[in-house]
Amino acid sequence: MRGTGRRTPGCCRYDSEENGPRVLRSEGRLRRAAGLMGIDYGYDLYLPTHAVGQALRTVASIARRGIGSVDVVVPGGERITLPFRGDPADDVDHWSLDTCLFFPVDDEAIRAWAEVERRSGRQEHPDAQGRIWVGSIYLYFWRNCGLRPGYSRLDFTAASTGMSRLFEQSTSIRDTFTGLAESVGAACLVLDREGDGDEICWPTCGDDLAALAGSWPEVG
């Protein structure tokens, strides 16, 4: 799912719960081909709807504090306060927020990114755990993932072309999102290149997402 450039936290245009992600991805690809926008790569996490709350709490554990605080109501009715920026969301089918997440500085791509951050004055050094934060990252929730009933999507979308390349090239970022997927019982994790060579990062099973979704267990 991709949009049409910079989005406002808390809202994102789409046609319906069912076809929203597909419509936005196609529109973004067409606009990029016309030279109207950069690339918006990201990691798409497909997971049972009942696991959304657990996933958000796990994401919050690696989030940079101090950029905001917002309440969302996750499927099932639980209200969670997140260290993200955006509009509060009740138990709705779709919302979007901004976040900054920490990643270990342990590969060449993210080391180069960290050096640019240092020179720009945004971040002087990695933290005590050897991490830097990357952001803003746009976080989207879709109650219906569009592939199988009972499964939702959390999309983590880069805010710029440079960040998109970082997402694509950094093993640190890939490993962090893969670890997230494994820890919350997700169905799969996809590196979303806006339909131009999307890659299933976890589990390792080829690149046919629809076929993979057909094997997911039924959930209530």
C-alpha atoms as a PDB file:
ATOM      1  CA  MET A   1       0.000   0.000   0.000  1.00  0.00           C
ATOM      2  CA  ARG A   2       1.439   3.328  -0.989  1.00  0.00           C
ATOM      3  CA  GLY A   3       0.075   6.817  -1.231  1.00  0.00           C
ATOM      4  CA  THR A   4       0.709   9.943  -3.228  1.00  0.00           C
ATOM      5  CA  GLY A   5       3.622  11.635  -1.470  1.00  0.00           C
ATOM      6  CA  ARG A   6       3.651  13.029   2.096  1.00  0.00           C
ATOM      7  CA  ARG A   7       0.633  11.933   4.074  1.00  0.00           C
ATOM      8  CA  THR A   8      -1.071  13.578   7.020  1.00  0.00           C
ATOM      9  CA  PRO A   9      -0.892  11.420  10.154  1.00  0.00           C
ATOM     10  CA  GLY A  10      -4.244   9.935  10.993  1.00  0.00           C
ATOM     11  CA  CYS A  11      -5.688   9.928   7.486  1.00  0.00           C
ATOM     12  CA  CYS A  12      -4.973   8.298   4.156  1.00  0.00           C
ATOM     13  CA  ARG A  13      -7.140   8.202   1.052  1.00  0.00           C
ATOM     14  CA  TYR A  14      -8.415   4.816  -0.058  1.00  0.00           C
ATOM     15  CA  ASP A  15     -11.509   3.399  -1.716  1.00  0.00           C
ATOM     16  CA  SER A  16     -12.547   0.742   0.775  1.00  0.00           C
ATOM     17  CA  GLU A  17     -11.256  -1.517   3.494  1.00  0.00           C
ATOM     18  CA  GLU A  18     -10.901  -4.301   0.966  1.00  0.00           C
ATOM     19  CA  ASN A  19      -9.194  -2.624  -1.990  1.00  0.00           C
ATOM     20  CA  GLY A  20      -7.456   0.337  -0.350  1.00  0.00           C
ATOM     21  CA  PRO A  21      -3.908  -1.099  -0.212  1.00  0.00           C
ATOM     22  CA  ARG A  22      -4.011  -2.255  -3.828  1.00  0.00           C
ATOM     23  CA  VAL A  23      -5.425   1.027  -5.154  1.00  0.00           C
ATOM     24  CA  LEU A  24      -2.775   3.129  -3.434  1.00  0.00           C
ATOM     25  CA  ARG A  25       0.102   0.908  -4.560  1.00  0.00           C
ATOM     26  CA  SER A  26      -0.990   1.098  -8.207  1.00  0.00           C
ATOM     27  CA  GLU A  27      -1.502   4.846  -8.043  1.00  0.00           C
ATOM     28  CA  GLY A  28       1.927   5.379  -6.494  1.00  0.00           C
ATOM     29  CA  ARG A  29       3.613   3.319  -9.205  1.00  0.00           C
ATOM     30  CA  LEU A  30       1.891   5.304 -11.964  1.00  0.00           C
ATOM     31  CA  ARG A  31       2.794   8.642 -10.409  1.00  0.00           C
ATOM     32  CA  ARG A  32       6.403   7.562  -9.979  1.00  0.00           C
ATOM     33  CA  ALA A  33       6.589   6.500 -13.634  1.00  0.00           C
ATOM     34  CA  ALA A  34       5.322   9.944 -14.590  1.00  0.00           C
ATOM     35  CA  GLY A  35       8.087  11.586 -12.553  1.00  0.00           C
ATOM     36  CA  LEU A  36       5.686  12.992  -9.970  1.00  0.00           C
ATOM     37  CA  MET A  37       7.106  11.377  -6.849  1.00  0.00           C
ATOM     38  CA  GLY A  38      10.011   9.454  -5.359  1.00  0.00           C
ATOM     39  CA  ILE A  39       9.894   5.920  -4.081  1.00  0.00           C
ATOM     40  CA  ASP A  40       8.093   4.864  -0.905  1.00  0.00           C
ATOM     41  CA  TYR A  41       9.431   1.430   0.030  1.00  0.00           C
ATOM     42  CA  GLY A  42       8.473  -0.206   3.261  1.00  0.00           C
ATOM     43  CA  TYR A  43       7.964  -3.358   5.262  1.00  0.00           C
ATOM     44  CA  ASP A  44       4.461  -4.825   5.333  1.00  0.00           C
ATOM     45  CA  LEU A  45       3.623  -7.047   8.280  1.00  0.00           C
ATOM     46  CA  TYR A  46       0.731  -9.470   7.801  1.00  0.00           C
ATOM     47  CA  LEU A  47      -0.582 -10.847  11.063  1.00  0.00           C
ATOM     48  CA  PRO A  48      -3.697 -12.277  12.716  1.00  0.00           C
ATOM     49  CA  THR A  49      -5.984  -9.420  13.673  1.00  0.00           C
ATOM     50  CA  HIS A  50      -5.951 -10.487  17.322  1.00  0.00           C
ATOM     51  CA  ALA A  51      -2.146  -9.948  17.397  1.00  0.00           C
ATOM     52  CA  VAL A  52      -2.244  -6.261  16.386  1.00  0.00           C
ATOM     53  CA  GLY A  53      -2.101  -4.997  19.972  1.00  0.00           C
ATOM     54  CA  GLN A  54       0.915  -7.148  20.817  1.00  0.00           C
ATOM     55  CA  ALA A  55       2.675  -6.021  17.643  1.00  0.00           C
ATOM     56  CA  LEU A  56       2.121  -2.337  18.411  1.00  0.00           C
ATOM     57  CA  ARG A  57       3.465  -2.739  21.946  1.00  0.00           C
ATOM     58  CA  THR A  58       6.566  -4.425  20.515  1.00  0.00           C
ATOM     59  CA  VAL A  59       7.058  -1.610  18.003  1.00  0.00           C
ATOM     60  CA  ALA A  60       6.647   0.924  20.814  1.00  0.00           C
ATOM     61  CA  SER A  61       9.513  -0.755  22.691  1.00  0.00           C
ATOM     62  CA  ILE A  62      11.982   0.315  19.956  1.00  0.00           C
ATOM     63  CA  ALA A  63      10.433   3.731  19.288  1.00  0.00           C
ATOM     64  CA  ARG A  64      12.092   7.043  19.980  1.00  0.00           C
ATOM     65  CA  ARG A  65      10.403   8.859  22.847  1.00  0.00           C
ATOM     66  CA  GLY A  66       9.486  12.514  22.842  1.00  0.00           C
ATOM     67  CA  ILE A  67       7.952  12.915  19.379  1.00  0.00           C
ATOM     68  CA  GLY A  68       4.377  12.495  20.575  1.00  0.00           C
ATOM     69  CA  SER A  69       1.854  10.310  22.351  1.00  0.00           C
ATOM     70  CA  VAL A  70      -1.377   8.982  20.915  1.00  0.00           C
ATOM     71  CA  ASP A  71      -4.095   6.528  21.926  1.00  0.00           C
ATOM     72  CA  VAL A  72      -5.434   3.908  19.543  1.00  0.00           C
ATOM     73  CA  VAL A  73      -8.093   1.274  20.115  1.00  0.00           C
ATOM     74  CA  VAL A  74      -6.999  -2.021  18.606  1.00  0.00           C
ATOM     75  CA  PRO A  75      -9.277  -4.815  17.394  1.00  0.00           C
ATOM     76  CA  GLY A  76     -10.863  -6.380  20.450  1.00  0.00           C
ATOM     77  CA  GLY A  77     -11.353  -3.031  22.182  1.00  0.00           C
ATOM     78  CA  GLU A  78      -8.052  -2.552  24.021  1.00  0.00           C
ATOM     79  CA  ARG A  79      -6.832   1.060  24.205  1.00  0.00           C
ATOM     80  CA  ILE A  80      -3.065   1.469  23.865  1.00  0.00           C
ATOM     81  CA  THR A  81      -0.995   4.618  24.350  1.00  0.00           C
ATOM     82  CA  LEU A  82       1.825   4.745  21.802  1.00  0.00           C
ATOM     83  CA  PRO A  83       4.901   7.040  21.597  1.00  0.00           C
ATOM     84  CA  PHE A  84       3.954   8.040  18.057  1.00  0.00           C
ATOM     85  CA  ARG A  85       2.580  11.195  16.421  1.00  0.00           C
ATOM     86  CA  GLY A  86      -0.881  11.503  14.888  1.00  0.00           C
ATOM     87  CA  ASP A  87      -4.584  11.590  15.607  1.00  0.00           C
ATOM     88  CA  PRO A  88      -6.190   9.268  18.169  1.00  0.00           C
ATOM     89  CA  ALA A  89      -7.979   6.334  16.553  1.00  0.00           C
ATOM     90  CA  ASP A  90     -10.922   4.377  17.858  1.00  0.00           C
ATOM     91  CA  ASP A  91     -11.697   0.822  16.775  1.00  0.00           C
ATOM     92  CA  VAL A  92     -11.712   1.629  13.044  1.00  0.00           C
ATOM     93  CA  ASP A  93     -10.687  -0.220   9.885  1.00  0.00           C
ATOM     94  CA  HIS A  94      -7.734   2.015   8.990  1.00  0.00           C
ATOM     95  CA  TRP A  95      -5.470   4.616  10.548  1.00  0.00           C
ATOM     96  CA  SER A  96      -1.974   6.065  10.071  1.00  0.00           C
ATOM     97  CA  LEU A  97       0.616   7.504  12.444  1.00  0.00           C
ATOM     98  CA  ASP A  98       4.200   8.799  12.318  1.00  0.00           C
ATOM     99  CA  THR A  99       6.970   7.147  14.312  1.00  0.00           C
ATOM    100  CA  CYS A 100      10.742   7.051  14.690  1.00  0.00           C
ATOM    101  CA  LEU A 101      12.307   3.648  15.357  1.00  0.00           C
ATOM    102  CA  PHE A 102      15.732   2.577  16.620  1.00  0.00           C
ATOM    103  CA  PHE A 103      17.938   0.190  14.641  1.00  0.00           C
ATOM    104  CA  PRO A 104      21.430  -1.181  15.414  1.00  0.00           C
ATOM    105  CA  VAL A 105      24.285   0.452  13.516  1.00  0.00           C
ATOM    106  CA  ASP A 106      25.837  -2.794  12.317  1.00  0.00           C
ATOM    107  CA  ASP A 107      25.957  -2.706   8.512  1.00  0.00           C
ATOM    108  CA  GLU A 108      27.464  -0.378   5.929  1.00  0.00           C
ATOM    109  CA  ALA A 109      24.163   1.098   4.751  1.00  0.00           C
ATOM    110  CA  ILE A 110      23.012   2.220   8.174  1.00  0.00           C
ATOM    111  CA  ARG A 111      26.516   3.388   9.135  1.00  0.00           C
ATOM    112  CA  ALA A 112      26.476   5.682   6.100  1.00  0.00           C
ATOM    113  CA  TRP A 113      23.019   6.913   7.114  1.00  0.00           C
ATOM    114  CA  ALA A 114      24.272   7.553  10.665  1.00  0.00           C
ATOM    115  CA  GLU A 115      27.173   9.627   9.331  1.00  0.00           C
ATOM    116  CA  VAL A 116      24.797  11.810   7.316  1.00  0.00           C
ATOM    117  CA  GLU A 117      22.667  12.232  10.446  1.00  0.00           C
ATOM    118  CA  ARG A 118      25.751  13.258  12.448  1.00  0.00           C
ATOM    119  CA  ARG A 119      26.882  15.805   9.859  1.00  0.00           C
ATOM    120  CA  SER A 120      23.410  17.304   9.690  1.00  0.00           C
ATOM    121  CA  GLY A 121      23.297  17.676  13.469  1.00  0.00           C
ATOM    122  CA  ARG A 122      20.235  15.488  13.880  1.00  0.00           C
ATOM    123  CA  GLN A 123      22.021  12.754  15.854  1.00  0.00           C
ATOM    124  CA  GLU A 124      25.514  12.971  17.314  1.00  0.00           C
ATOM    125  CA  HIS A 125      26.193   9.361  18.204  1.00  0.00           C
ATOM    126  CA  PRO A 126      24.477   5.989  18.491  1.00  0.00           C
ATOM    127  CA  ASP A 127      22.801   5.369  21.839  1.00  0.00           C
ATOM    128  CA  ALA A 128      24.176   3.131  24.603  1.00  0.00           C
ATOM    129  CA  GLN A 129      22.883   0.073  22.729  1.00  0.00           C
ATOM    130  CA  GLY A 130      24.655   1.063  19.510  1.00  0.00           C
ATOM    131  CA  ARG A 131      21.465   2.197  17.759  1.00  0.00           C
ATOM    132  CA  ILE A 132      20.277   5.254  15.880  1.00  0.00           C
ATOM    133  CA  TRP A 133      16.707   6.273  15.211  1.00  0.00           C
ATOM    134  CA  VAL A 134      15.288   6.481  11.721  1.00  0.00           C
ATOM    135  CA  GLY A 135      12.235   8.585  10.990  1.00  0.00           C
ATOM    136  CA  SER A 136       9.729   9.670  10.304  1.00  0.00           C
ATOM    137  CA  ILE A 137       8.420   6.247   9.363  1.00  0.00           C
ATOM    138  CA  TYR A 138       4.764   6.172   8.381  1.00  0.00           C
ATOM    139  CA  LEU A 139       2.870   3.421  10.170  1.00  0.00           C
ATOM    140  CA  TYR A 140      -0.409   2.282   8.606  1.00  0.00           C
ATOM    141  CA  PHE A 141      -2.964  -0.142  10.004  1.00  0.00           C
ATOM    142  CA  TRP A 142      -5.410  -2.020   7.795  1.00  0.00           C
ATOM    143  CA  ARG A 143      -7.884  -4.264   9.624  1.00  0.00           C
ATOM    144  CA  ASN A 144      -8.453  -6.343   6.474  1.00  0.00           C
ATOM    145  CA  CYS A 145      -5.157  -7.275   4.831  1.00  0.00           C
ATOM    146  CA  GLY A 146      -6.971  -8.065   1.584  1.00  0.00           C
ATOM    147  CA  LEU A 147      -5.626 -11.613   1.311  1.00  0.00           C
ATOM    148  CA  ARG A 148      -7.390 -13.711   3.942  1.00  0.00           C
ATOM    149  CA  PRO A 149     -10.163 -13.076   6.498  1.00  0.00           C
ATOM    150  CA  GLY A 150      -8.981 -12.621  10.053  1.00  0.00           C
ATOM    151  CA  TYR A 151      -5.630 -11.106   9.055  1.00  0.00           C
ATOM    152  CA  SER A 152      -4.550  -7.468   9.251  1.00  0.00           C
ATOM    153  CA  ARG A 153      -1.602  -5.413   8.004  1.00  0.00           C
ATOM    154  CA  LEU A 154       0.828  -3.025   9.620  1.00  0.00           C
ATOM    155  CA  ASP A 155       2.816  -1.126   6.977  1.00  0.00           C
ATOM    156  CA  PHE A 156       6.054   0.681   7.875  1.00  0.00           C
ATOM    157  CA  THR A 157       6.705   3.098   5.010  1.00  0.00           C
ATOM    158  CA  ALA A 158       9.838   5.176   4.417  1.00  0.00           C
ATOM    159  CA  ALA A 159       9.312   8.933   4.250  1.00  0.00           C
ATOM    160  CA  SER A 160      11.786   9.612   1.435  1.00  0.00           C
ATOM    161  CA  THR A 161      13.618   8.016  -1.458  1.00  0.00           C
ATOM    162  CA  GLY A 162      16.839   7.949   0.557  1.00  0.00           C
ATOM    163  CA  MET A 163      15.148   6.202   3.448  1.00  0.00           C
ATOM    164  CA  SER A 164      13.532   3.775   1.008  1.00  0.00           C
ATOM    165  CA  ARG A 165      16.984   2.781  -0.232  1.00  0.00           C
ATOM    166  CA  LEU A 166      18.117   2.379   3.367  1.00  0.00           C
ATOM    167  CA  PHE A 167      15.187   0.055   4.050  1.00  0.00           C
ATOM    168  CA  GLU A 168      16.121  -1.974   0.995  1.00  0.00           C
ATOM    169  CA  GLN A 169      19.877  -2.190   1.641  1.00  0.00           C
ATOM    170  CA  SER A 170      20.254  -2.384   5.428  1.00  0.00           C
ATOM    171  CA  THR A 171      20.416  -5.866   6.926  1.00  0.00           C
ATOM    172  CA  SER A 172      19.996  -4.256  10.346  1.00  0.00           C
ATOM    173  CA  ILE A 173      16.602  -2.852   9.411  1.00  0.00           C
ATOM    174  CA  ARG A 174      15.531  -6.059   7.697  1.00  0.00           C
ATOM    175  CA  ASP A 175      16.596  -8.135  10.703  1.00  0.00           C
ATOM    176  CA  THR A 176      14.733  -5.832  13.086  1.00  0.00           C
ATOM    177  CA  PHE A 177      11.476  -6.156  11.176  1.00  0.00           C
ATOM    178  CA  THR A 178      12.004  -9.900  10.731  1.00  0.00           C
ATOM    179  CA  GLY A 179      12.509 -10.239  14.478  1.00  0.00           C
ATOM    180  CA  LEU A 180       9.306  -8.281  15.027  1.00  0.00           C
ATOM    181  CA  ALA A 181       7.415 -10.621  12.711  1.00  0.00           C
ATOM    182  CA  GLU A 182       8.711 -13.717  14.461  1.00  0.00           C
ATOM    183  CA  SER A 183       8.109 -12.407  17.979  1.00  0.00           C
ATOM    184  CA  VAL A 184       4.447 -11.479  17.476  1.00  0.00           C
ATOM    185  CA  GLY A 185       3.398 -14.562  15.543  1.00  0.00           C
ATOM    186  CA  ALA A 186       2.976 -12.782  12.213  1.00  0.00           C
ATOM    187  CA  ALA A 187       2.054 -14.676   9.066  1.00  0.00           C
ATOM    188  CA  CYS A 188       4.685 -13.013   6.885  1.00  0.00           C
ATOM    189  CA  LEU A 189       6.835  -9.942   6.290  1.00  0.00           C
ATOM    190  CA  VAL A 190       7.155  -8.335   2.851  1.00  0.00           C
ATOM    191  CA  LEU A 191       9.666  -5.769   1.601  1.00  0.00           C
ATOM    192  CA  ASP A 192       7.254  -3.668  -0.429  1.00  0.00           C
ATOM    193  CA  ARG A 193       8.866  -2.058  -3.468  1.00  0.00           C
ATOM    194  CA  GLU A 194       5.511  -0.658  -4.619  1.00  0.00           C
ATOM    195  CA  GLY A 195       4.830  -3.698  -6.753  1.00  0.00           C
ATOM    196  CA  ASP A 196       8.198  -3.563  -8.542  1.00  0.00           C
ATOM    197  CA  GLY A 197       9.914  -6.659  -7.172  1.00  0.00           C
ATOM    198  CA  ASP A 198       8.228  -7.053  -3.787  1.00  0.00           C
ATOM    199  CA  GLU A 199      10.077  -9.607  -1.656  1.00  0.00           C
ATOM    200  CA  ILE A 200       8.798 -11.974   1.009  1.00  0.00           C
ATOM    201  CA  CYS A 201      11.479 -11.640   3.687  1.00  0.00           C
ATOM    202  CA  TRP A 202       9.939 -14.029   6.205  1.00  0.00           C
ATOM    203  CA  PRO A 203       9.211 -16.888   6.091  1.00  0.00           C
ATOM    204  CA  THR A 204      11.529 -17.939   3.262  1.00  0.00           C
ATOM    205  CA  CYS A 205       9.071 -19.427   0.793  1.00  0.00           C
ATOM    206  CA  GLY A 206       9.341 -17.756  -2.615  1.00  0.00           C
ATOM    207  CA  ASP A 207       7.599 -14.622  -3.822  1.00  0.00           C
ATOM    208  CA  ASP A 208       3.985 -15.713  -4.391  1.00  0.00           C
ATOM    209  CA  LEU A 209       2.201 -13.849  -1.606  1.00  0.00           C
ATOM    210  CA  ALA A 210      -1.287 -14.940  -2.654  1.00  0.00           C
ATOM    211  CA  ALA A 211      -0.233 -18.593  -2.609  1.00  0.00           C
ATOM    212  CA  LEU A 212       1.377 -18.142   0.795  1.00  0.00           C
ATOM    213  CA  ALA A 213      -1.765 -16.505   2.173  1.00  0.00           C
ATOM    214  CA  GLY A 214      -3.758 -19.525   1.059  1.00  0.00           C
ATOM    215  CA  SER A 215      -1.753 -21.632   3.511  1.00  0.00           C
ATOM    216  CA  TRP A 216      -2.340 -19.412   6.531  1.00  0.00           C
ATOM    217  CA  PRO A 217      -4.482 -21.051   9.216  1.00  0.00           C
ATOM    218  CA  GLU A 218      -8.026 -19.858   9.721  1.00  0.00           C
ATOM    219  CA  VAL A 219      -8.410 -17.523  12.681  1.00  0.00           C
ATOM    220  CA  GLY A 220     -11.505 -16.425  14.522  1.00  0.00           C
END
